[in-house]
Amino acid sequence: MKIAVPDLISNSYFPAVAAVELGMFARENIDASIEMIFPVDKSYAALRDGEVDLVAGSAHSALSAFPEWNGVKLICAQGQGMYWFLVMRADLAAQKGDLSVVKGRRIGAAPWVEMGLRGLLTAGGIDPVRDEVSIAPVPGAVGAGVNFGLTAAKALEAGQIDGFWANGMGTEVAVTRSVGTVVVDVRRGDGPAEAFNYTMASIAATDRMIADQPDRVAASVRAIVATQEALRKDPSLATEVARKVFPEQEAGLIAELVRRDGPFYDAAISQDFVDEMNAFCRRMGILKGHPSYTDVVASQFSSLWAGKGA
């Protein structure tokens, strides 16, 4: 089984990576591997084209390859809430929650990921056009094998951008190097409350796989749930995983990031989440209709989200 992730050296999709490296998929008799495919829309295109079996990425981005949610379902969450951070250059002395700091600035953000930032800014009264906010890919972040968060932190340090919208690992690197300041962390109460459910880190499968291989899909959900539980109980397991796939510095940071993320490690996907995500997607112009909960979520696996039957 091939699982696509759009960023590897990151805490964002770490439950999927850890599920492979800790042997949770193997315990389910699945030979699983992780394949990094950046940006996230290319991950979903690979899913659509049968090149991978699952995508561990941002939920709303499924619409990049599956318009109106046709042909794809979310099978579980990796974590609750929109999980990207707005980080600005430290010398700007930005105050926590003050979105006005982005006015006239260059903000690095990956394709499709940037929608979360645009939605957040708009809800906070910032008009990117009127306020001359340049939101664009980070220089050097398009090559194969590039990890976006780390590239963003390096670009910030080099003065190529004024801020970035990226994962917790890139954020932690920027903060520990004293080159960045966290302005918005949506999951921990910054910014408009509605932004929490713009998206989440999820696991997605095609309708065809769900219909043809429901046992393998169920096993995949169990593997993710078991990994979430293991990481909540012992965040130090993250270091064991990271030493296999991360550079040394980032491997040393991951356990603390996983400890912080532990409260969000819940595989459930709620009706409220789907309703609010879909409303966000309509505002972004990537969804026209009003798909139901079961159009978006493979709810037949919901009994596994809390570990029942695992």
C-alpha atoms as a PDB file:
ATOM      1  CA  MET A   1       0.000   0.000   0.000  1.00  0.00           C
ATOM      2  CA  LYS A   2       1.385   3.411  -1.002  1.00  0.00           C
ATOM      3  CA  ILE A   3       0.473   6.421   1.119  1.00  0.00           C
ATOM      4  CA  ALA A   4       1.153   9.875  -0.317  1.00  0.00           C
ATOM      5  CA  VAL A   5       2.110  12.758   1.979  1.00  0.00           C
ATOM      6  CA  PRO A   6       2.771  16.302   0.698  1.00  0.00           C
ATOM      7  CA  ASP A   7       5.378  17.070   3.369  1.00  0.00           C
ATOM      8  CA  LEU A   8       7.523  14.523   5.179  1.00  0.00           C
ATOM      9  CA  ILE A   9       9.735  16.329   7.678  1.00  0.00           C
ATOM     10  CA  SER A  10       6.744  17.674   9.523  1.00  0.00           C
ATOM     11  CA  ASN A  11       4.410  16.951  12.400  1.00  0.00           C
ATOM     12  CA  SER A  12       1.366  17.551  10.180  1.00  0.00           C
ATOM     13  CA  TYR A  13       1.154  14.062   8.701  1.00  0.00           C
ATOM     14  CA  PHE A  14       3.262  12.353  11.314  1.00  0.00           C
ATOM     15  CA  PRO A  15       0.560   9.867  12.408  1.00  0.00           C
ATOM     16  CA  ALA A  16       0.598   8.334   8.922  1.00  0.00           C
ATOM     17  CA  VAL A  17       4.388   8.213   8.790  1.00  0.00           C
ATOM     18  CA  ALA A  18       4.584   6.783  12.304  1.00  0.00           C
ATOM     19  CA  ALA A  19       1.916   4.179  11.533  1.00  0.00           C
ATOM     20  CA  VAL A  20       4.251   2.791   8.875  1.00  0.00           C
ATOM     21  CA  GLU A  21       7.491   3.095  10.837  1.00  0.00           C
ATOM     22  CA  LEU A  22       6.071   1.762  14.135  1.00  0.00           C
ATOM     23  CA  GLY A  23       4.676  -1.297  12.376  1.00  0.00           C
ATOM     24  CA  MET A  24       0.987  -0.506  12.894  1.00  0.00           C
ATOM     25  CA  PHE A  25       0.196  -1.245   9.250  1.00  0.00           C
ATOM     26  CA  ALA A  26       2.327  -4.385   9.393  1.00  0.00           C
ATOM     27  CA  ARG A  27       0.311  -5.506  12.414  1.00  0.00           C
ATOM     28  CA  GLU A  28      -2.724  -5.324  10.133  1.00  0.00           C
ATOM     29  CA  ASN A  29      -0.896  -7.449   7.535  1.00  0.00           C
ATOM     30  CA  ILE A  30      -0.438  -4.466   5.225  1.00  0.00           C
ATOM     31  CA  ASP A  31       2.920  -3.730   3.617  1.00  0.00           C
ATOM     32  CA  ALA A  32       2.728   0.070   3.603  1.00  0.00           C
ATOM     33  CA  SER A  33       5.163   2.733   2.449  1.00  0.00           C
ATOM     34  CA  ILE A  34       5.201   6.523   2.445  1.00  0.00           C
ATOM     35  CA  GLU A  35       5.735   8.498  -0.745  1.00  0.00           C
ATOM     36  CA  MET A  36       6.244  12.242  -0.572  1.00  0.00           C
ATOM     37  CA  ILE A  37       4.393  14.031  -3.371  1.00  0.00           C
ATOM     38  CA  PHE A  38       4.413  17.846  -3.211  1.00  0.00           C
ATOM     39  CA  PRO A  39       2.286  19.897  -3.447  1.00  0.00           C
ATOM     40  CA  VAL A  40      -0.844  18.346  -2.010  1.00  0.00           C
ATOM     41  CA  ASP A  41      -2.895  18.598  -5.209  1.00  0.00           C
ATOM     42  CA  LYS A  42      -0.357  16.295  -6.867  1.00  0.00           C
ATOM     43  CA  SER A  43      -0.849  13.808  -4.023  1.00  0.00           C
ATOM     44  CA  TYR A  44      -4.565  13.735  -4.733  1.00  0.00           C
ATOM     45  CA  ALA A  45      -3.964  13.513  -8.490  1.00  0.00           C
ATOM     46  CA  ALA A  46      -1.834  10.432  -7.813  1.00  0.00           C
ATOM     47  CA  LEU A  47      -4.717   8.969  -5.800  1.00  0.00           C
ATOM     48  CA  ARG A  48      -7.166   9.670  -8.603  1.00  0.00           C
ATOM     49  CA  ASP A  49      -4.832   8.101 -11.148  1.00  0.00           C
ATOM     50  CA  GLY A  50      -4.270   4.944  -9.090  1.00  0.00           C
ATOM     51  CA  GLU A  51      -0.603   5.658  -8.389  1.00  0.00           C
ATOM     52  CA  VAL A  52      -1.110   5.617  -4.611  1.00  0.00           C
ATOM     53  CA  ASP A  53      -3.697   3.994  -2.367  1.00  0.00           C
ATOM     54  CA  LEU A  54      -4.234   6.667   0.291  1.00  0.00           C
ATOM     55  CA  VAL A  55      -3.492  10.348   0.770  1.00  0.00           C
ATOM     56  CA  ALA A  56      -2.469  11.681   4.156  1.00  0.00           C
ATOM     57  CA  GLY A  57      -2.995  15.389   3.532  1.00  0.00           C
ATOM     58  CA  SER A  58      -5.282  18.365   4.010  1.00  0.00           C
ATOM     59  CA  ALA A  59      -8.925  17.360   3.746  1.00  0.00           C
ATOM     60  CA  HIS A  60     -10.221  20.248   1.614  1.00  0.00           C
ATOM     61  CA  SER A  61      -7.495  19.644  -0.975  1.00  0.00           C
ATOM     62  CA  ALA A  62      -9.223  16.442  -2.129  1.00  0.00           C
ATOM     63  CA  LEU A  63     -11.348  18.758  -4.261  1.00  0.00           C
ATOM     64  CA  SER A  64      -8.282  19.483  -6.414  1.00  0.00           C
ATOM     65  CA  ALA A  65      -8.610  16.071  -8.061  1.00  0.00           C
ATOM     66  CA  PHE A  66     -12.147  15.047  -7.103  1.00  0.00           C
ATOM     67  CA  PRO A  67     -14.536  17.919  -7.906  1.00  0.00           C
ATOM     68  CA  GLU A  68     -17.628  18.102  -5.707  1.00  0.00           C
ATOM     69  CA  TRP A  69     -16.256  15.157  -3.686  1.00  0.00           C
ATOM     70  CA  ASN A  70     -17.034  12.748  -6.516  1.00  0.00           C
ATOM     71  CA  GLY A  71     -14.972   9.558  -6.234  1.00  0.00           C
ATOM     72  CA  VAL A  72     -13.220  10.147  -2.904  1.00  0.00           C
ATOM     73  CA  LYS A  73     -13.987   9.927   0.828  1.00  0.00           C
ATOM     74  CA  LEU A  74     -12.241  10.855   4.033  1.00  0.00           C
ATOM     75  CA  ILE A  75     -11.797   7.670   6.067  1.00  0.00           C
ATOM     76  CA  CYS A  76     -10.462   9.221   9.283  1.00  0.00           C
ATOM     77  CA  ALA A  77      -8.679  12.237  10.713  1.00  0.00           C
ATOM     78  CA  GLN A  78      -5.003  12.340  11.580  1.00  0.00           C
ATOM     79  CA  GLY A  79      -5.706  15.300  13.832  1.00  0.00           C
ATOM     80  CA  GLN A  80      -8.431  17.826  14.529  1.00  0.00           C
ATOM     81  CA  GLY A  81      -8.329  21.412  13.294  1.00  0.00           C
ATOM     82  CA  MET A  82      -6.455  23.505  10.749  1.00  0.00           C
ATOM     83  CA  TYR A  83      -2.849  22.838  11.640  1.00  0.00           C
ATOM     84  CA  TRP A  84      -0.787  25.518   9.899  1.00  0.00           C
ATOM     85  CA  PHE A  85       0.854  28.495  11.606  1.00  0.00           C
ATOM     86  CA  LEU A  86       1.322  32.087  10.485  1.00  0.00           C
ATOM     87  CA  VAL A  87       4.916  33.017  11.277  1.00  0.00           C
ATOM     88  CA  MET A  88       6.426  36.450  10.614  1.00  0.00           C
ATOM     89  CA  ARG A  89      10.003  37.725  10.674  1.00  0.00           C
ATOM     90  CA  ALA A  90      11.123  38.219  14.252  1.00  0.00           C
ATOM     91  CA  ASP A  91      12.355  41.767  13.597  1.00  0.00           C
ATOM     92  CA  LEU A  92       8.787  42.839  12.743  1.00  0.00           C
ATOM     93  CA  ALA A  93       7.945  42.338  16.446  1.00  0.00           C
ATOM     94  CA  ALA A  94       4.482  41.038  15.548  1.00  0.00           C
ATOM     95  CA  GLN A  95       1.974  40.629  18.354  1.00  0.00           C
ATOM     96  CA  LYS A  96       0.119  37.341  18.776  1.00  0.00           C
ATOM     97  CA  GLY A  97      -3.140  37.420  16.843  1.00  0.00           C
ATOM     98  CA  ASP A  98      -2.445  40.735  15.073  1.00  0.00           C
ATOM     99  CA  LEU A  99      -3.222  39.991  11.449  1.00  0.00           C
ATOM    100  CA  SER A 100      -2.458  43.545  10.369  1.00  0.00           C
ATOM    101  CA  VAL A 101       1.245  42.644  10.349  1.00  0.00           C
ATOM    102  CA  VAL A 102       0.750  40.957   6.953  1.00  0.00           C
ATOM    103  CA  LYS A 103      -0.169  44.214   5.193  1.00  0.00           C
ATOM    104  CA  GLY A 104       2.296  44.939   2.418  1.00  0.00           C
ATOM    105  CA  ARG A 105       4.258  41.763   3.208  1.00  0.00           C
ATOM    106  CA  ARG A 106       5.382  38.685   1.274  1.00  0.00           C
ATOM    107  CA  ILE A 107       3.949  35.489   2.762  1.00  0.00           C
ATOM    108  CA  GLY A 108       5.124  32.065   1.610  1.00  0.00           C
ATOM    109  CA  ALA A 109       2.469  29.363   1.349  1.00  0.00           C
ATOM    110  CA  ALA A 110       2.087  26.152  -0.630  1.00  0.00           C
ATOM    111  CA  PRO A 111      -0.592  25.676  -3.305  1.00  0.00           C
ATOM    112  CA  TRP A 112      -3.992  24.777  -1.801  1.00  0.00           C
ATOM    113  CA  VAL A 113      -2.529  25.294   1.665  1.00  0.00           C
ATOM    114  CA  GLU A 114      -2.640  29.035   0.960  1.00  0.00           C
ATOM    115  CA  MET A 115      -6.451  28.913   0.848  1.00  0.00           C
ATOM    116  CA  GLY A 116      -6.504  28.426   4.598  1.00  0.00           C
ATOM    117  CA  LEU A 117      -4.508  31.627   5.044  1.00  0.00           C
ATOM    118  CA  ARG A 118      -6.679  33.583   2.607  1.00  0.00           C
ATOM    119  CA  GLY A 119      -9.814  32.441   4.418  1.00  0.00           C
ATOM    120  CA  LEU A 120      -8.302  33.316   7.788  1.00  0.00           C
ATOM    121  CA  LEU A 121      -7.237  36.786   6.670  1.00  0.00           C
ATOM    122  CA  THR A 122     -10.573  37.559   5.062  1.00  0.00           C
ATOM    123  CA  ALA A 123     -12.467  36.470   8.178  1.00  0.00           C
ATOM    124  CA  GLY A 124     -10.129  38.715  10.191  1.00  0.00           C
ATOM    125  CA  GLY A 125     -10.857  41.788   8.073  1.00  0.00           C
ATOM    126  CA  ILE A 126      -7.760  41.677   5.865  1.00  0.00           C
ATOM    127  CA  ASP A 127      -8.277  41.977   2.114  1.00  0.00           C
ATOM    128  CA  PRO A 128      -5.137  40.543   0.459  1.00  0.00           C
ATOM    129  CA  VAL A 129      -5.640  42.713  -2.640  1.00  0.00           C
ATOM    130  CA  ARG A 130      -6.516  45.959  -0.882  1.00  0.00           C
ATOM    131  CA  ASP A 131      -3.890  45.432   1.796  1.00  0.00           C
ATOM    132  CA  GLU A 132      -1.213  44.368  -0.700  1.00  0.00           C
ATOM    133  CA  VAL A 133      -0.506  40.989   0.862  1.00  0.00           C
ATOM    134  CA  SER A 134       1.548  38.863  -1.514  1.00  0.00           C
ATOM    135  CA  ILE A 135       0.811  35.164  -0.911  1.00  0.00           C
ATOM    136  CA  ALA A 136       2.930  32.916  -3.122  1.00  0.00           C
ATOM    137  CA  PRO A 137       4.992  29.725  -3.074  1.00  0.00           C
ATOM    138  CA  VAL A 138       8.258  29.849  -1.139  1.00  0.00           C
ATOM    139  CA  PRO A 139      11.342  30.202  -3.368  1.00  0.00           C
ATOM    140  CA  GLY A 140      12.915  26.798  -3.893  1.00  0.00           C
ATOM    141  CA  ALA A 141       9.890  24.838  -2.666  1.00  0.00           C
ATOM    142  CA  VAL A 142       8.858  23.236  -5.934  1.00  0.00           C
ATOM    143  CA  GLY A 143      11.482  20.556  -6.462  1.00  0.00           C
ATOM    144  CA  ALA A 144      10.900  16.875  -5.807  1.00  0.00           C
ATOM    145  CA  GLY A 145      11.920  15.891  -2.324  1.00  0.00           C
ATOM    146  CA  VAL A 146      11.653  19.414  -0.923  1.00  0.00           C
ATOM    147  CA  ASN A 147      10.045  19.706   2.503  1.00  0.00           C
ATOM    148  CA  PHE A 148       7.939  22.843   2.523  1.00  0.00           C
ATOM    149  CA  GLY A 149       8.062  23.824   6.192  1.00  0.00           C
ATOM    150  CA  LEU A 150      11.841  23.612   6.411  1.00  0.00           C
ATOM    151  CA  THR A 151      12.255  25.447   3.110  1.00  0.00           C
ATOM    152  CA  ALA A 152       9.941  28.189   4.386  1.00  0.00           C
ATOM    153  CA  ALA A 153      11.954  28.587   7.591  1.00  0.00           C
ATOM    154  CA  LYS A 154      15.184  28.886   5.595  1.00  0.00           C
ATOM    155  CA  ALA A 155      13.622  31.427   3.219  1.00  0.00           C
ATOM    156  CA  LEU A 156      12.459  33.497   6.188  1.00  0.00           C
ATOM    157  CA  GLU A 157      15.937  33.418   7.688  1.00  0.00           C
ATOM    158  CA  ALA A 158      17.426  34.481   4.351  1.00  0.00           C
ATOM    159  CA  GLY A 159      15.004  37.414   4.043  1.00  0.00           C
ATOM    160  CA  GLN A 160      13.393  36.053   0.882  1.00  0.00           C
ATOM    161  CA  ILE A 161       9.946  36.304   2.490  1.00  0.00           C
ATOM    162  CA  ASP A 162       8.454  38.295   5.375  1.00  0.00           C
ATOM    163  CA  GLY A 163       6.430  35.419   6.760  1.00  0.00           C
ATOM    164  CA  PHE A 164       5.091  31.973   6.034  1.00  0.00           C
ATOM    165  CA  TRP A 165       2.020  29.828   6.489  1.00  0.00           C
ATOM    166  CA  ALA A 166       3.250  26.316   7.158  1.00  0.00           C
ATOM    167  CA  ASN A 167       3.473  23.347   9.488  1.00  0.00           C
ATOM    168  CA  GLY A 168       4.606  23.109  13.083  1.00  0.00           C
ATOM    169  CA  MET A 169       8.062  21.805  12.216  1.00  0.00           C
ATOM    170  CA  GLY A 170       8.897  24.760  10.000  1.00  0.00           C
ATOM    171  CA  THR A 171       7.482  26.998  12.715  1.00  0.00           C
ATOM    172  CA  GLU A 172       9.567  25.392  15.444  1.00  0.00           C
ATOM    173  CA  VAL A 173      12.743  25.695  13.379  1.00  0.00           C
ATOM    174  CA  ALA A 174      12.087  29.395  12.731  1.00  0.00           C
ATOM    175  CA  VAL A 175      11.307  30.079  16.394  1.00  0.00           C
ATOM    176  CA  THR A 176      14.265  28.121  17.809  1.00  0.00           C
ATOM    177  CA  ARG A 177      16.590  29.966  15.416  1.00  0.00           C
ATOM    178  CA  SER A 178      15.045  33.260  16.627  1.00  0.00           C
ATOM    179  CA  VAL A 179      14.177  34.291  13.070  1.00  0.00           C
ATOM    180  CA  GLY A 180      10.390  33.966  13.335  1.00  0.00           C
ATOM    181  CA  THR A 181       7.483  34.839  15.624  1.00  0.00           C
ATOM    182  CA  VAL A 182       4.223  32.903  15.752  1.00  0.00           C
ATOM    183  CA  VAL A 183       1.318  35.252  15.008  1.00  0.00           C
ATOM    184  CA  VAL A 184      -1.502  32.742  14.525  1.00  0.00           C
ATOM    185  CA  ASP A 185      -1.973  29.189  15.801  1.00  0.00           C
ATOM    186  CA  VAL A 186      -5.599  28.477  14.942  1.00  0.00           C
ATOM    187  CA  ARG A 187      -5.874  25.223  16.858  1.00  0.00           C
ATOM    188  CA  ARG A 188      -4.921  26.950  20.094  1.00  0.00           C
ATOM    189  CA  GLY A 189      -7.375  29.808  19.847  1.00  0.00           C
ATOM    190  CA  ASP A 190      -5.761  32.432  17.621  1.00  0.00           C
ATOM    191  CA  GLY A 191      -7.719  34.079  14.829  1.00  0.00           C
ATOM    192  CA  PRO A 192     -11.417  33.697  13.978  1.00  0.00           C
ATOM    193  CA  ALA A 193     -12.989  30.640  15.658  1.00  0.00           C
ATOM    194  CA  GLU A 194     -14.509  29.477  12.369  1.00  0.00           C
ATOM    195  CA  ALA A 195     -11.030  28.890  10.940  1.00  0.00           C
ATOM    196  CA  PHE A 196     -10.526  25.799  13.111  1.00  0.00           C
ATOM    197  CA  ASN A 197     -12.692  23.729  10.771  1.00  0.00           C
ATOM    198  CA  TYR A 198     -11.507  25.056   7.427  1.00  0.00           C
ATOM    199  CA  THR A 199      -9.595  21.799   7.023  1.00  0.00           C
ATOM    200  CA  MET A 200      -7.779  19.057   8.939  1.00  0.00           C
ATOM    201  CA  ALA A 201      -5.057  16.508   8.387  1.00  0.00           C
ATOM    202  CA  SER A 202      -7.012  13.494   7.164  1.00  0.00           C
ATOM    203  CA  ILE A 203      -6.660  10.164   5.396  1.00  0.00           C
ATOM    204  CA  ALA A 204      -8.504   9.812   2.093  1.00  0.00           C
ATOM    205  CA  ALA A 205      -9.271   6.858  -0.165  1.00  0.00           C
ATOM    206  CA  THR A 206     -11.108   6.503  -3.460  1.00  0.00           C
ATOM    207  CA  ASP A 207     -14.685   5.274  -3.574  1.00  0.00           C
ATOM    208  CA  ARG A 208     -13.431   2.370  -5.664  1.00  0.00           C
ATOM    209  CA  MET A 209     -10.975   1.219  -3.011  1.00  0.00           C
ATOM    210  CA  ILE A 210     -13.592   1.574  -0.282  1.00  0.00           C
ATOM    211  CA  ALA A 211     -16.026  -0.548  -2.297  1.00  0.00           C
ATOM    212  CA  ASP A 212     -13.521  -3.146  -3.514  1.00  0.00           C
ATOM    213  CA  GLN A 213     -11.223  -3.432  -0.472  1.00  0.00           C
ATOM    214  CA  PRO A 214     -13.221  -2.405   2.603  1.00  0.00           C
ATOM    215  CA  ASP A 215     -11.174  -4.689   4.869  1.00  0.00           C
ATOM    216  CA  ARG A 216      -7.918  -2.990   3.864  1.00  0.00           C
ATOM    217  CA  VAL A 217      -9.452   0.429   4.366  1.00  0.00           C
ATOM    218  CA  ALA A 218     -10.726  -0.590   7.815  1.00  0.00           C
ATOM    219  CA  ALA A 219      -7.286  -1.953   8.650  1.00  0.00           C
ATOM    220  CA  SER A 220      -5.749   1.362   7.617  1.00  0.00           C
ATOM    221  CA  VAL A 221      -8.076   3.253   9.946  1.00  0.00           C
ATOM    222  CA  ARG A 222      -7.167   0.908  12.800  1.00  0.00           C
ATOM    223  CA  ALA A 223      -3.470   1.488  12.101  1.00  0.00           C
ATOM    224  CA  ILE A 224      -3.877   5.267  12.300  1.00  0.00           C
ATOM    225  CA  VAL A 225      -5.997   5.089  15.473  1.00  0.00           C
ATOM    226  CA  ALA A 226      -3.494   2.749  17.154  1.00  0.00           C
ATOM    227  CA  THR A 227      -0.670   5.137  16.231  1.00  0.00           C
ATOM    228  CA  GLN A 228      -2.498   8.164  17.603  1.00  0.00           C
ATOM    229  CA  GLU A 229      -3.045   6.333  20.872  1.00  0.00           C
ATOM    230  CA  ALA A 230       0.584   5.206  21.081  1.00  0.00           C
ATOM    231  CA  LEU A 231       1.906   8.721  20.414  1.00  0.00           C
ATOM    232  CA  ARG A 232      -0.451  10.268  22.962  1.00  0.00           C
ATOM    233  CA  LYS A 233       0.739   7.814  25.600  1.00  0.00           C
ATOM    234  CA  ASP A 234       4.427   8.094  24.747  1.00  0.00           C
ATOM    235  CA  PRO A 235       5.487  11.069  22.581  1.00  0.00           C
ATOM    236  CA  SER A 236       9.097   9.870  22.772  1.00  0.00           C
ATOM    237  CA  LEU A 237       8.150   7.212  20.214  1.00  0.00           C
ATOM    238  CA  ALA A 238       8.158  10.064  17.713  1.00  0.00           C
ATOM    239  CA  THR A 239      11.910  10.436  18.097  1.00  0.00           C
ATOM    240  CA  GLU A 240      12.391   6.755  17.298  1.00  0.00           C
ATOM    241  CA  VAL A 241      10.427   7.249  14.088  1.00  0.00           C
ATOM    242  CA  ALA A 242      12.018  10.560  13.166  1.00  0.00           C
ATOM    243  CA  ARG A 243      15.565   9.237  13.439  1.00  0.00           C
ATOM    244  CA  LYS A 244      14.753   7.007  10.473  1.00  0.00           C
ATOM    245  CA  VAL A 245      13.362   9.732   8.205  1.00  0.00           C
ATOM    246  CA  PHE A 246      14.280  13.220   9.539  1.00  0.00           C
ATOM    247  CA  PRO A 247      17.537  15.188   9.638  1.00  0.00           C
ATOM    248  CA  GLU A 248      19.167  15.229  13.080  1.00  0.00           C
ATOM    249  CA  GLN A 249      17.946  18.666  14.191  1.00  0.00           C
ATOM    250  CA  GLU A 250      14.318  18.039  13.275  1.00  0.00           C
ATOM    251  CA  ALA A 251      14.423  14.553  14.808  1.00  0.00           C
ATOM    252  CA  GLY A 252      15.349  16.258  18.052  1.00  0.00           C
ATOM    253  CA  LEU A 253      12.307  18.548  17.863  1.00  0.00           C
ATOM    254  CA  ILE A 254       9.544  16.131  16.895  1.00  0.00           C
ATOM    255  CA  ALA A 255       8.733  14.568  20.287  1.00  0.00           C
ATOM    256  CA  GLU A 256       7.811  17.960  21.769  1.00  0.00           C
ATOM    257  CA  LEU A 257       5.694  18.811  18.729  1.00  0.00           C
ATOM    258  CA  VAL A 258       3.881  15.483  19.007  1.00  0.00           C
ATOM    259  CA  ARG A 259       3.329  16.041  22.725  1.00  0.00           C
ATOM    260  CA  ARG A 260       1.672  19.385  21.930  1.00  0.00           C
ATOM    261  CA  ASP A 261      -0.387  17.818  19.157  1.00  0.00           C
ATOM    262  CA  GLY A 262      -1.572  14.942  21.361  1.00  0.00           C
ATOM    263  CA  PRO A 263      -4.878  16.601  22.360  1.00  0.00           C
ATOM    264  CA  PHE A 264      -5.778  16.868  18.665  1.00  0.00           C
ATOM    265  CA  TYR A 265      -5.051  13.204  17.889  1.00  0.00           C
ATOM    266  CA  ASP A 266      -8.646  12.117  17.374  1.00  0.00           C
ATOM    267  CA  ALA A 267      -9.605  10.134  14.269  1.00  0.00           C
ATOM    268  CA  ALA A 268     -13.257  11.248  14.288  1.00  0.00           C
ATOM    269  CA  ILE A 269     -14.729  13.437  11.551  1.00  0.00           C
ATOM    270  CA  SER A 270     -17.792  15.312  12.771  1.00  0.00           C
ATOM    271  CA  GLN A 271     -20.836  16.658  10.963  1.00  0.00           C
ATOM    272  CA  ASP A 272     -19.867  20.161  12.122  1.00  0.00           C
ATOM    273  CA  PHE A 273     -16.426  19.788  10.597  1.00  0.00           C
ATOM    274  CA  VAL A 274     -17.816  18.706   7.233  1.00  0.00           C
ATOM    275  CA  ASP A 275     -20.413  21.501   7.199  1.00  0.00           C
ATOM    276  CA  GLU A 276     -17.864  24.193   8.073  1.00  0.00           C
ATOM    277  CA  MET A 277     -15.192  22.851   5.722  1.00  0.00           C
ATOM    278  CA  ASN A 278     -17.652  22.739   2.843  1.00  0.00           C
ATOM    279  CA  ALA A 279     -18.788  26.298   3.582  1.00  0.00           C
ATOM    280  CA  PHE A 280     -15.143  27.392   3.505  1.00  0.00           C
ATOM    281  CA  CYS A 281     -14.613  25.548   0.208  1.00  0.00           C
ATOM    282  CA  ARG A 282     -17.601  27.310  -1.336  1.00  0.00           C
ATOM    283  CA  ARG A 283     -16.185  30.679  -0.247  1.00  0.00           C
ATOM    284  CA  MET A 284     -12.860  29.712  -1.835  1.00  0.00           C
ATOM    285  CA  GLY A 285     -14.644  28.825  -5.079  1.00  0.00           C
ATOM    286  CA  ILE A 286     -13.515  25.187  -5.107  1.00  0.00           C
ATOM    287  CA  LEU A 287     -16.945  23.739  -4.305  1.00  0.00           C
ATOM    288  CA  LYS A 288     -20.297  24.665  -5.832  1.00  0.00           C
ATOM    289  CA  GLY A 289     -22.760  22.229  -4.299  1.00  0.00           C
ATOM    290  CA  HIS A 290     -23.819  21.184  -0.815  1.00  0.00           C
ATOM    291  CA  PRO A 291     -22.579  17.587  -0.457  1.00  0.00           C
ATOM    292  CA  SER A 292     -23.888  15.640   2.497  1.00  0.00           C
ATOM    293  CA  TYR A 293     -21.818  14.208   5.299  1.00  0.00           C
ATOM    294  CA  THR A 294     -21.810  10.773   3.674  1.00  0.00           C
ATOM    295  CA  ASP A 295     -20.782  12.296   0.337  1.00  0.00           C
ATOM    296  CA  VAL A 296     -17.575  13.419   2.039  1.00  0.00           C
ATOM    297  CA  VAL A 297     -16.921  10.852   4.779  1.00  0.00           C
ATOM    298  CA  ALA A 298     -16.824   7.048   4.693  1.00  0.00           C
ATOM    299  CA  SER A 299     -18.964   6.858   7.806  1.00  0.00           C
ATOM    300  CA  GLN A 300     -19.071   3.050   7.736  1.00  0.00           C
ATOM    301  CA  PHE A 301     -15.680   3.163   9.461  1.00  0.00           C
ATOM    302  CA  SER A 302     -16.774   5.526  12.226  1.00  0.00           C
ATOM    303  CA  SER A 303     -16.950   2.744  14.833  1.00  0.00           C
ATOM    304  CA  LEU A 304     -13.181   2.373  14.442  1.00  0.00           C
ATOM    305  CA  TRP A 305     -12.347   6.006  15.157  1.00  0.00           C
ATOM    306  CA  ALA A 306     -12.451   5.583  18.917  1.00  0.00           C
ATOM    307  CA  GLY A 307     -10.534   2.320  18.740  1.00  0.00           C
ATOM    308  CA  LYS A 308     -13.590   0.066  18.875  1.00  0.00           C
ATOM    309  CA  GLY A 309     -12.901  -3.207  17.188  1.00  0.00           C
ATOM    310  CA  ALA A 310      -9.220  -2.388  16.849  1.00  0.00           C
END
